[in-house]
C-alpha atoms as a PDB file:
ATOM      1  CA  MET A   1      -0.166  -0.250  -0.233  1.00  0.00           C
ATOM      2  CA  LEU A   2       1.181   3.525  -0.529  1.00  0.00           C
ATOM      3  CA  LYS A   3      -0.357   6.439   0.821  1.00  0.00           C
ATOM      4  CA  VAL A   4       0.493  10.179   0.443  1.00  0.00           C
ATOM      5  CA  ASN A   5      -0.383  12.900   2.980  1.00  0.00           C
ATOM      6  CA  GLY A   6      -2.511   9.850   4.925  1.00  0.00           C
ATOM      7  CA  GLU A   7      -4.576   8.751   1.784  1.00  0.00           C
ATOM      8  CA  THR A   8      -4.111   5.621   0.186  1.00  0.00           C
ATOM      9  CA  ARG A   9      -3.278   5.947  -3.446  1.00  0.00           C
ATOM     10  CA  GLN A  10      -2.265   2.539  -4.405  1.00  0.00           C
ATOM     11  CA  SER A  11      -3.459  -0.868  -2.963  1.00  0.00           C
ATOM     12  CA  SER A  12      -2.603  -3.940  -4.903  1.00  0.00           C
ATOM     13  CA  ASN A  13      -0.872  -7.453  -3.828  1.00  0.00           C
ATOM     14  CA  THR A  14       1.807  -9.405  -5.608  1.00  0.00           C
ATOM     15  CA  SER A  15      -0.924 -12.252  -6.749  1.00  0.00           C
ATOM     16  CA  GLU A  16      -1.969  -9.487  -9.298  1.00  0.00           C
ATOM     17  CA  MET A  17       1.235  -8.856 -10.674  1.00  0.00           C
ATOM     18  CA  LEU A  18       2.005 -10.292 -14.522  1.00  0.00           C
ATOM     19  CA  PHE A  19       5.107 -12.263 -13.382  1.00  0.00           C
ATOM     20  CA  ASN A  20       5.110 -14.249 -10.003  1.00  0.00           C
ATOM     21  CA  ILE A  21       7.761 -12.683  -7.813  1.00  0.00           C
ATOM     22  CA  SER A  22       9.483 -16.063  -7.901  1.00  0.00           C
ATOM     23  CA  TYR A  23      10.125 -15.953 -11.457  1.00  0.00           C
ATOM     24  CA  VAL A  24      11.108 -12.041 -10.859  1.00  0.00           C
ATOM     25  CA  ILE A  25      13.750 -13.318  -8.566  1.00  0.00           C
ATOM     26  CA  TYR A  26      15.100 -16.027 -10.616  1.00  0.00           C
ATOM     27  CA  TYR A  27      15.001 -13.995 -13.695  1.00  0.00           C
ATOM     28  CA  ILE A  28      17.057 -11.255 -11.983  1.00  0.00           C
ATOM     29  CA  SER A  29      19.326 -13.302 -10.375  1.00  0.00           C
ATOM     30  CA  SER A  30      20.162 -15.252 -13.885  1.00  0.00           C
ATOM     31  CA  ILE A  31      21.819 -11.799 -14.683  1.00  0.00           C
ATOM     32  CA  PHE A  32      23.548 -10.900 -11.644  1.00  0.00           C
ATOM     33  CA  SER A  33      24.111 -11.584  -7.894  1.00  0.00           C
ATOM     34  CA  LEU A  34      21.570  -9.968  -5.867  1.00  0.00           C
ATOM     35  CA  LYS A  35      23.126  -9.717  -2.479  1.00  0.00           C
ATOM     36  CA  ARG A  36      21.538  -8.706   0.889  1.00  0.00           C
ATOM     37  CA  GLY A  37      19.661  -5.640   1.173  1.00  0.00           C
ATOM     38  CA  ASP A  38      19.300  -5.542  -2.381  1.00  0.00           C
ATOM     39  CA  MET A  39      15.714  -4.242  -3.341  1.00  0.00           C
ATOM     40  CA  ILE A  40      14.013  -4.837  -6.599  1.00  0.00           C
ATOM     41  CA  PHE A  41      11.328  -2.642  -7.916  1.00  0.00           C
ATOM     42  CA  THR A  42       8.639  -3.977  -9.988  1.00  0.00           C
ATOM     43  CA  GLY A  43       6.472  -1.388 -11.559  1.00  0.00           C
ATOM     44  CA  THR A  44       3.493   0.286 -10.036  1.00  0.00           C
ATOM     45  CA  PRO A  45      -0.466  -0.351  -9.763  1.00  0.00           C
ATOM     46  CA  ALA A  46      -2.888   2.258 -11.156  1.00  0.00           C
ATOM     47  CA  GLY A  47      -3.058   5.165  -8.533  1.00  0.00           C
ATOM     48  CA  ILE A  48       0.053   7.105  -9.377  1.00  0.00           C
ATOM     49  CA  SER A  49       0.154  11.002  -9.487  1.00  0.00           C
ATOM     50  CA  LYS A  50       2.503  13.782  -8.948  1.00  0.00           C
ATOM     51  CA  LEU A  51       4.199  14.245  -5.643  1.00  0.00           C
ATOM     52  CA  ASN A  52       5.013  17.565  -4.381  1.00  0.00           C
ATOM     53  CA  SER A  53       7.594  19.023  -1.957  1.00  0.00           C
ATOM     54  CA  GLY A  54       6.547  18.635   1.522  1.00  0.00           C
ATOM     55  CA  ASP A  55       4.083  16.058   0.817  1.00  0.00           C
ATOM     56  CA  ILE A  56       4.753  12.852   3.393  1.00  0.00           C
ATOM     57  CA  VAL A  57       4.926   9.313   1.527  1.00  0.00           C
ATOM     58  CA  GLU A  58       4.459   6.118   3.249  1.00  0.00           C
ATOM     59  CA  GLY A  59       4.983   2.790   1.677  1.00  0.00           C
ATOM     60  CA  ILE A  60       3.430  -0.133   3.629  1.00  0.00           C
ATOM     61  CA  ILE A  61       4.184  -3.971   2.955  1.00  0.00           C
ATOM     62  CA  GLU A  62       2.461  -6.329   5.034  1.00  0.00           C
ATOM     63  CA  LYS A  63       4.571  -8.736   7.573  1.00  0.00           C
ATOM     64  CA  VAL A  64       7.585  -6.604   6.220  1.00  0.00           C
ATOM     65  CA  GLY A  65       7.033  -2.722   7.608  1.00  0.00           C
ATOM     66  CA  ASN A  66       6.576   0.499   6.459  1.00  0.00           C
ATOM     67  CA  LEU A  67       9.012   3.219   5.080  1.00  0.00           C
ATOM     68  CA  LYS A  68       7.746   6.834   5.215  1.00  0.00           C
ATOM     69  CA  ILE A  69       9.532   9.944   3.806  1.00  0.00           C
ATOM     70  CA  LYS A  70       8.960  13.635   3.547  1.00  0.00           C
ATOM     71  CA  VAL A  71       9.766  14.866  -0.329  1.00  0.00           C
ATOM     72  CA  GLU A  72      12.000  17.329  -0.577  1.00  0.00           C
END
């Protein structure tokens, strides 16, 4: 889930991806080595919009945690 200034802008699940996450990891790791802490960005669901300076963006991953940042 992605929130901007407390408003949900995107909400989706990996089950809705074109390729399942296991295949994505397999494919990427066949090209180069993945290391602890690497992040894989897979695209974005509907709801994308412009961000402005001062916006608070919060990414929430179920069973993993939250990341909140302020746009400068």
